[in-house]
Amino acid sequence: MVFMTSQLYDAQRTKEHIADLLEKYGVKPHHAQVVSYVLVEADMRGIESHGINGLPHLIIEPIKKELVNLDAEPFFERKSPGCMTLDTLNANGCLGHVASMMAVQRVKSLAGTYGTAKVDVTNSAHFGAAGIYTNKISSGMDLIGQAFCTTGSIMIPYGGEHPRLGTCALAWSIPYRHLETNQAPLEGIVNLDCATATRAANVIVKTIRGGDEKLPFEVIDLRTGRVTTATQDFKTPADFFTYGALMPAGGLEGRGDSSGYKMGGLAWLIELQTVPSGGFSPEISRLPSDRKPKQIRQTFKAEAMGAFKPLEEVLE
């Protein structure tokens, strides 16, 4: 079931409804099914910022503006054993959910052959909640999954005054199995899914559009350089993306609790790790959806759980 606005909805019917809606906007049926799965799965996990709440401005609006190519079929290119890129540049980008799910399947296959693997998705678009993909990598209970994502600039680096970094999301999944005598094994996946920013920018968009008086967390008003939680400081989402900015989790020097150099430093590393695959762009534009597809890059990694010790021993 999907929990939204204090009501319960059937998950499968919701997925079908969203897929039908996307097809009406020209999305291929098999692509629409992937996107609907990721959106509903996010809501089922309580990640409303990346669920169907973002369908209008994160998916449909870019489709209307022709910022994604619905005919795109991304292609893989091998860089070295166990390492590949999935490039959407030839088709001017495609839906990020589709490219990312393709990358997940490929990185799992490569890790099965080489023990460890990495697939970088370049020239991509918004892909939803990162933890959904790492759990897919780990779903066979034999792989550790990791995912990282860069975006257009919306976050101020620690020590800086202007937005330069994206929210730089990361996710990490590790399977486990606990065996009890004469009982069914208790098993699952430990999953971390978070951004290096305080929270996702989509939450601000929802708050402004909803007319709430107070923002759910502190942001920076670039016109004054000060922290604010007043929704009235940003009349529209576009106003926020022009005059507002996020902080690294932990804040900036003198703003927040001033420990943001930790997550801010991690955000830099998430962006810099895309350099070897050619994903780095010297011109990082501001959000939101009028950005070029090339501003977003995703990295997926998989590592065999049984590479050093027997798999069952590691899971235990």
Protein backbone atom coordinates (compact mmCIF):
# COMPACT_ATOMS: atom_id res chain seq x y z
CA MET A 1 0.00 0.00 0.00
CA VAL A 2 1.04 3.62 -0.53
CA PHE A 3 0.57 6.11 2.31
CA MET A 4 -0.28 9.64 1.20
CA THR A 5 -2.22 12.49 2.81
CA SER A 6 -3.67 10.17 5.47
CA GLN A 7 -5.24 7.89 2.86
CA LEU A 8 -4.33 4.43 1.64
CA TYR A 9 -3.96 3.63 -2.05
CA ASP A 10 -3.35 0.31 -3.76
CA ALA A 11 0.28 0.35 -4.93
CA GLN A 12 -0.23 -1.69 -8.10
CA ARG A 13 -3.21 0.35 -9.27
CA THR A 14 -1.28 3.55 -8.57
CA LYS A 15 1.65 2.33 -10.67
CA GLU A 16 -0.69 1.46 -13.52
CA HIS A 17 -2.39 4.86 -13.33
CA ILE A 18 0.93 6.73 -13.43
CA ALA A 19 2.22 4.58 -16.30
CA ASP A 20 -0.96 5.29 -18.29
CA LEU A 21 -0.56 9.00 -17.60
CA LEU A 22 3.07 9.01 -18.76
CA GLU A 23 2.17 7.17 -21.94
CA LYS A 24 -0.30 9.95 -22.75
CA TYR A 25 2.68 12.32 -22.71
CA GLY A 26 4.52 10.10 -25.20
CA VAL A 27 6.60 7.95 -22.86
CA LYS A 28 7.22 4.43 -24.18
CA PRO A 29 5.19 1.81 -22.27
CA HIS A 30 8.23 -0.07 -20.90
CA HIS A 31 9.84 3.22 -19.87
CA ALA A 32 6.61 4.41 -18.23
CA GLN A 33 6.51 1.24 -16.14
CA VAL A 34 10.04 1.86 -14.86
CA VAL A 35 9.28 5.47 -13.89
CA SER A 36 5.99 4.57 -12.19
CA TYR A 37 7.71 1.82 -10.21
CA VAL A 38 10.41 4.19 -8.92
CA LEU A 39 7.91 6.92 -7.99
CA VAL A 40 5.52 4.65 -6.09
CA GLU A 41 8.38 2.79 -4.42
CA ALA A 42 9.69 6.11 -3.09
CA ASP A 43 6.29 6.93 -1.58
CA MET A 44 6.06 3.47 -0.04
CA ARG A 45 9.39 4.20 1.67
CA GLY A 46 8.08 7.55 2.94
CA ILE A 47 10.33 9.57 0.61
CA GLU A 48 7.61 11.92 -0.60
CA SER A 49 10.15 14.38 -2.04
CA HIS A 50 10.99 11.80 -4.72
CA GLY A 51 7.60 10.12 -5.11
CA ILE A 52 4.60 11.01 -7.26
CA ASN A 53 4.58 14.45 -5.63
CA GLY A 54 7.39 15.36 -8.05
CA LEU A 55 5.67 14.01 -11.15
CA PRO A 56 4.47 17.43 -12.46
CA HIS A 57 7.68 19.48 -12.14
CA LEU A 58 10.40 16.79 -12.29
CA ILE A 59 9.07 14.62 -15.11
CA ILE A 60 6.09 16.04 -16.99
CA GLU A 61 7.37 19.62 -17.15
CA PRO A 62 10.76 18.63 -18.67
CA ILE A 63 8.88 16.42 -21.17
CA LYS A 64 6.72 19.38 -22.20
CA LYS A 65 9.80 21.56 -22.59
CA GLU A 66 11.44 18.81 -24.69
CA LEU A 67 14.39 18.66 -22.30
CA VAL A 68 14.35 14.87 -22.50
CA ASN A 69 14.14 12.74 -25.63
CA LEU A 70 11.42 10.13 -25.19
CA ASP A 71 12.79 8.13 -28.13
CA ALA A 72 16.21 7.79 -26.51
CA GLU A 73 17.70 4.36 -25.96
CA PRO A 74 20.98 4.89 -24.07
CA PHE A 75 24.03 2.88 -25.09
CA PHE A 76 26.80 1.29 -23.03
CA GLU A 77 30.50 1.73 -23.69
CA ARG A 78 33.10 -0.45 -22.01
CA LYS A 79 35.98 1.52 -20.45
CA SER A 80 37.84 -1.38 -18.79
CA PRO A 81 36.95 -4.79 -17.32
CA GLY A 82 34.18 -4.17 -14.83
CA CYS A 83 33.76 -0.49 -15.76
CA MET A 84 31.31 0.98 -18.25
CA THR A 85 29.54 4.22 -19.07
CA LEU A 86 25.94 4.57 -20.16
CA ASP A 87 25.69 7.67 -22.34
CA THR A 88 22.48 9.44 -23.29
CA LEU A 89 24.17 12.34 -25.09
CA ASN A 90 23.51 10.94 -28.57
CA ALA A 91 19.78 11.24 -27.96
CA ASN A 92 19.87 14.52 -25.99
CA GLY A 93 19.22 12.69 -22.76
CA CYS A 94 16.41 10.42 -21.64
CA LEU A 95 14.39 9.88 -18.48
CA GLY A 96 16.88 9.35 -15.67
CA HIS A 97 14.86 6.55 -14.08
CA VAL A 98 15.13 4.50 -17.27
CA ALA A 99 18.87 5.02 -17.77
CA SER A 100 19.56 4.29 -14.10
CA MET A 101 17.61 1.04 -14.06
CA MET A 102 19.52 -0.06 -17.16
CA ALA A 103 22.77 0.77 -15.36
CA VAL A 104 21.69 -1.26 -12.31
CA GLN A 105 21.11 -4.37 -14.40
CA ARG A 106 24.45 -3.97 -16.15
CA VAL A 107 26.49 -3.31 -12.99
CA LYS A 108 24.99 -6.44 -11.39
CA SER A 109 25.98 -8.51 -14.41
CA LEU A 110 29.52 -7.11 -14.45
CA ALA A 111 29.98 -7.69 -10.71
CA GLY A 112 28.91 -11.29 -11.20
CA THR A 113 31.78 -11.69 -13.66
CA TYR A 114 34.50 -9.52 -12.15
CA GLY A 115 33.57 -9.36 -8.46
CA THR A 116 33.32 -5.57 -8.50
CA ALA A 117 31.92 -3.18 -11.09
CA LYS A 118 31.07 0.43 -11.80
CA VAL A 119 28.72 2.04 -14.32
CA ASP A 120 28.60 5.81 -14.76
CA VAL A 121 25.51 7.37 -16.37
CA THR A 122 26.45 10.59 -18.13
CA ASN A 123 24.31 13.37 -19.65
CA SER A 124 21.37 12.14 -17.59
CA ALA A 125 18.28 13.56 -15.86
CA HIS A 126 16.53 13.30 -12.48
CA PHE A 127 16.36 9.65 -11.35
CA GLY A 128 14.37 9.70 -8.12
CA ALA A 129 15.41 8.11 -4.82
CA ALA A 130 18.90 6.62 -5.00
CA GLY A 131 18.24 3.90 -2.43
CA ILE A 132 15.74 2.19 -4.73
CA TYR A 133 18.54 1.42 -7.16
CA THR A 134 21.04 0.21 -4.57
CA ASN A 135 18.41 -2.12 -3.13
CA LYS A 136 17.90 -3.48 -6.64
CA ILE A 137 21.64 -4.14 -6.84
CA SER A 138 21.52 -5.98 -3.51
CA SER A 139 18.23 -7.77 -4.13
CA GLY A 140 19.96 -11.08 -4.94
CA MET A 141 21.50 -11.03 -1.44
CA ASP A 142 25.00 -11.37 -2.90
CA LEU A 143 26.07 -7.80 -3.80
CA ILE A 144 26.78 -4.56 -1.94
CA GLY A 145 25.24 -1.69 -3.89
CA GLN A 146 26.21 1.98 -4.03
CA ALA A 147 24.81 4.93 -5.95
CA PHE A 148 25.81 8.59 -6.21
CA CYS A 149 24.26 11.49 -8.10
CA THR A 150 25.29 15.04 -9.01
CA THR A 151 22.91 17.79 -10.11
CA GLY A 152 22.90 21.42 -11.11
CA SER A 153 24.14 23.81 -8.45
CA ILE A 154 21.79 24.52 -5.55
CA MET A 155 24.08 24.08 -2.51
CA ILE A 156 26.70 26.49 -1.17
CA PRO A 157 30.05 24.80 -0.50
CA TYR A 158 31.40 25.10 3.03
CA GLY A 159 33.50 28.28 3.06
CA GLY A 160 31.69 29.69 0.03
CA GLU A 161 28.99 32.29 -0.56
CA HIS A 162 27.35 31.15 -3.80
CA PRO A 163 25.78 27.84 -4.96
CA ARG A 164 28.24 25.57 -6.75
CA LEU A 165 27.38 22.01 -5.71
CA GLY A 166 24.31 19.88 -6.24
CA THR A 167 22.59 18.03 -3.43
CA CYS A 168 24.94 15.12 -4.35
CA ALA A 169 22.79 12.23 -3.19
CA LEU A 170 24.26 8.91 -2.08
CA ALA A 171 22.84 5.50 -1.24
CA TRP A 172 24.39 2.31 0.12
CA SER A 173 22.81 -1.13 0.50
CA ILE A 174 24.24 -4.20 2.26
CA PRO A 175 22.32 -7.51 2.57
CA TYR A 176 22.25 -9.59 5.76
CA ARG A 177 20.87 -12.93 6.90
CA HIS A 178 20.47 -14.06 10.49
CA LEU A 179 19.91 -17.79 10.99
CA GLU A 180 18.02 -19.12 14.01
CA THR A 181 17.77 -22.82 14.88
CA ASN A 182 14.46 -24.32 13.73
CA GLN A 183 13.25 -20.93 12.50
CA ALA A 184 13.06 -19.25 9.13
CA PRO A 185 16.08 -17.02 8.50
CA LEU A 186 15.67 -13.31 9.22
CA GLU A 187 17.08 -11.48 6.22
CA GLY A 188 16.93 -8.11 4.56
CA ILE A 189 18.96 -5.18 3.28
CA VAL A 190 20.46 -2.38 5.36
CA ASN A 191 19.96 0.77 3.28
CA LEU A 192 21.16 4.36 3.63
CA ASP A 193 19.68 6.94 1.25
CA CYS A 194 20.45 10.62 1.78
CA ALA A 195 21.64 13.86 0.27
CA THR A 196 24.72 15.77 1.38
CA ALA A 197 22.52 18.87 1.58
CA THR A 198 20.26 19.44 4.58
CA ARG A 199 17.30 18.05 2.62
CA ALA A 200 16.06 17.78 -0.95
CA ALA A 201 15.15 20.96 -2.82
CA ASN A 202 11.86 19.34 -3.87
CA VAL A 203 10.63 19.74 -0.29
CA ILE A 204 10.97 23.52 -0.63
CA VAL A 205 9.08 23.46 -3.92
CA LYS A 206 6.19 21.57 -2.32
CA THR A 207 6.07 23.97 0.64
CA ILE A 208 6.00 27.09 -1.52
CA ARG A 209 3.34 25.68 -3.83
CA GLY A 210 1.30 24.57 -0.84
CA GLY A 211 1.27 28.08 0.62
CA ASP A 212 2.74 27.08 3.99
CA GLU A 213 4.02 29.99 6.07
CA LYS A 214 7.22 28.29 7.20
CA LEU A 215 9.81 26.28 5.31
CA PRO A 216 10.51 22.84 6.82
CA PHE A 217 14.24 23.56 7.20
CA GLU A 218 16.70 26.46 7.02
CA VAL A 219 17.89 27.76 3.65
CA ILE A 220 20.04 30.70 2.58
CA ASP A 221 18.60 33.89 1.10
CA LEU A 222 21.32 34.85 -1.40
CA ARG A 223 20.18 38.47 -1.39
CA THR A 224 21.11 38.88 2.26
CA GLY A 225 23.36 35.89 2.91
CA ARG A 226 21.24 35.02 5.91
CA VAL A 227 19.46 31.89 7.04
CA THR A 228 15.68 31.94 6.65
CA THR A 229 12.69 29.65 7.12
CA ALA A 230 10.11 32.20 5.93
CA THR A 231 8.23 30.98 2.87
CA GLN A 232 7.29 34.58 2.05
CA ASP A 233 10.94 35.28 1.17
CA PHE A 234 10.39 33.18 -1.98
CA LYS A 235 7.09 33.85 -3.73
CA THR A 236 7.41 30.98 -6.22
CA PRO A 237 9.66 27.91 -6.70
CA ALA A 238 11.42 29.82 -9.50
CA ASP A 239 12.06 32.64 -7.04
CA PHE A 240 13.72 30.19 -4.64
CA PHE A 241 15.91 28.67 -7.36
CA THR A 242 17.03 32.20 -8.30
CA TYR A 243 17.51 33.76 -4.86
CA GLY A 244 17.77 30.79 -2.51
CA ALA A 245 20.28 28.05 -1.78
CA LEU A 246 20.67 24.96 0.35
CA MET A 247 23.38 24.34 2.94
CA PRO A 248 25.42 21.17 3.42
CA ALA A 249 24.00 18.99 6.18
CA GLY A 250 25.52 20.52 9.31
CA GLY A 251 25.35 24.09 8.02
CA LEU A 252 27.93 26.63 6.96
CA GLU A 253 30.45 28.54 9.03
CA GLY A 254 28.38 30.78 11.31
CA ARG A 255 25.13 29.35 9.94
CA GLY A 256 23.61 26.13 11.21
CA ASP A 257 25.86 24.24 13.60
CA SER A 258 28.94 24.92 11.44
CA SER A 259 29.83 21.26 10.92
CA GLY A 260 28.88 21.23 7.23
CA TYR A 261 32.49 20.80 6.13
CA LYS A 262 31.92 17.07 6.62
CA MET A 263 28.99 16.54 4.27
CA GLY A 264 30.12 19.47 2.13
CA GLY A 265 33.45 17.72 1.60
CA LEU A 266 31.64 14.50 0.71
CA ALA A 267 29.61 16.41 -1.89
CA TRP A 268 32.83 17.56 -3.56
CA LEU A 269 34.11 13.99 -3.69
CA ILE A 270 30.87 12.69 -5.19
CA GLU A 271 31.23 15.22 -8.00
CA LEU A 272 34.96 14.67 -8.48
CA GLN A 273 34.58 10.90 -8.80
CA THR A 274 32.80 11.50 -12.10
CA VAL A 275 35.96 13.00 -13.64
CA PRO A 276 37.55 9.67 -14.73
CA SER A 277 34.49 8.78 -16.80
CA GLY A 278 34.40 12.21 -18.42
CA GLY A 279 31.30 13.25 -16.53
CA PHE A 280 32.66 16.46 -14.99
CA SER A 281 31.37 19.71 -16.44
CA PRO A 282 33.24 22.99 -15.81
CA GLU A 283 29.98 24.87 -16.27
CA ILE A 284 27.49 23.78 -13.62
CA SER A 285 24.24 25.64 -14.17
CA ARG A 286 21.63 26.48 -11.57
CA LEU A 287 18.53 24.39 -11.07
CA PRO A 288 15.64 23.80 -11.84
CA SER A 289 14.16 22.03 -14.85
CA ASP A 290 15.39 24.31 -17.62
CA ARG A 291 18.87 22.94 -17.00
CA LYS A 292 20.52 20.90 -19.73
CA PRO A 293 20.46 17.11 -19.29
CA LYS A 294 24.25 16.97 -19.15
CA GLN A 295 24.24 18.60 -15.72
CA ILE A 296 23.17 15.36 -14.00
CA ARG A 297 25.36 12.28 -13.61
CA GLN A 298 24.83 9.05 -11.71
CA THR A 299 27.33 6.42 -10.56
CA PHE A 300 26.41 2.84 -9.66
CA LYS A 301 28.77 0.39 -7.98
CA ALA A 302 28.42 -3.27 -7.06
CA GLU A 303 30.72 -5.46 -4.98
CA ALA A 304 30.44 -9.22 -4.50
CA MET A 305 29.71 -10.10 -0.86
CA GLY A 306 31.51 -13.44 -1.23
CA ALA A 307 34.71 -12.07 -2.74
CA PHE A 308 36.81 -12.63 0.40
CA LYS A 309 34.89 -15.18 2.46
CA PRO A 310 32.06 -17.62 1.77
CA LEU A 311 28.84 -15.70 1.05
CA GLU A 312 26.78 -17.33 3.81
CA GLU A 313 29.45 -16.54 6.38
CA VAL A 314 29.52 -12.90 5.33
CA LEU A 315 25.73 -12.59 5.37
CA GLU A 316 25.60 -14.08 8.86
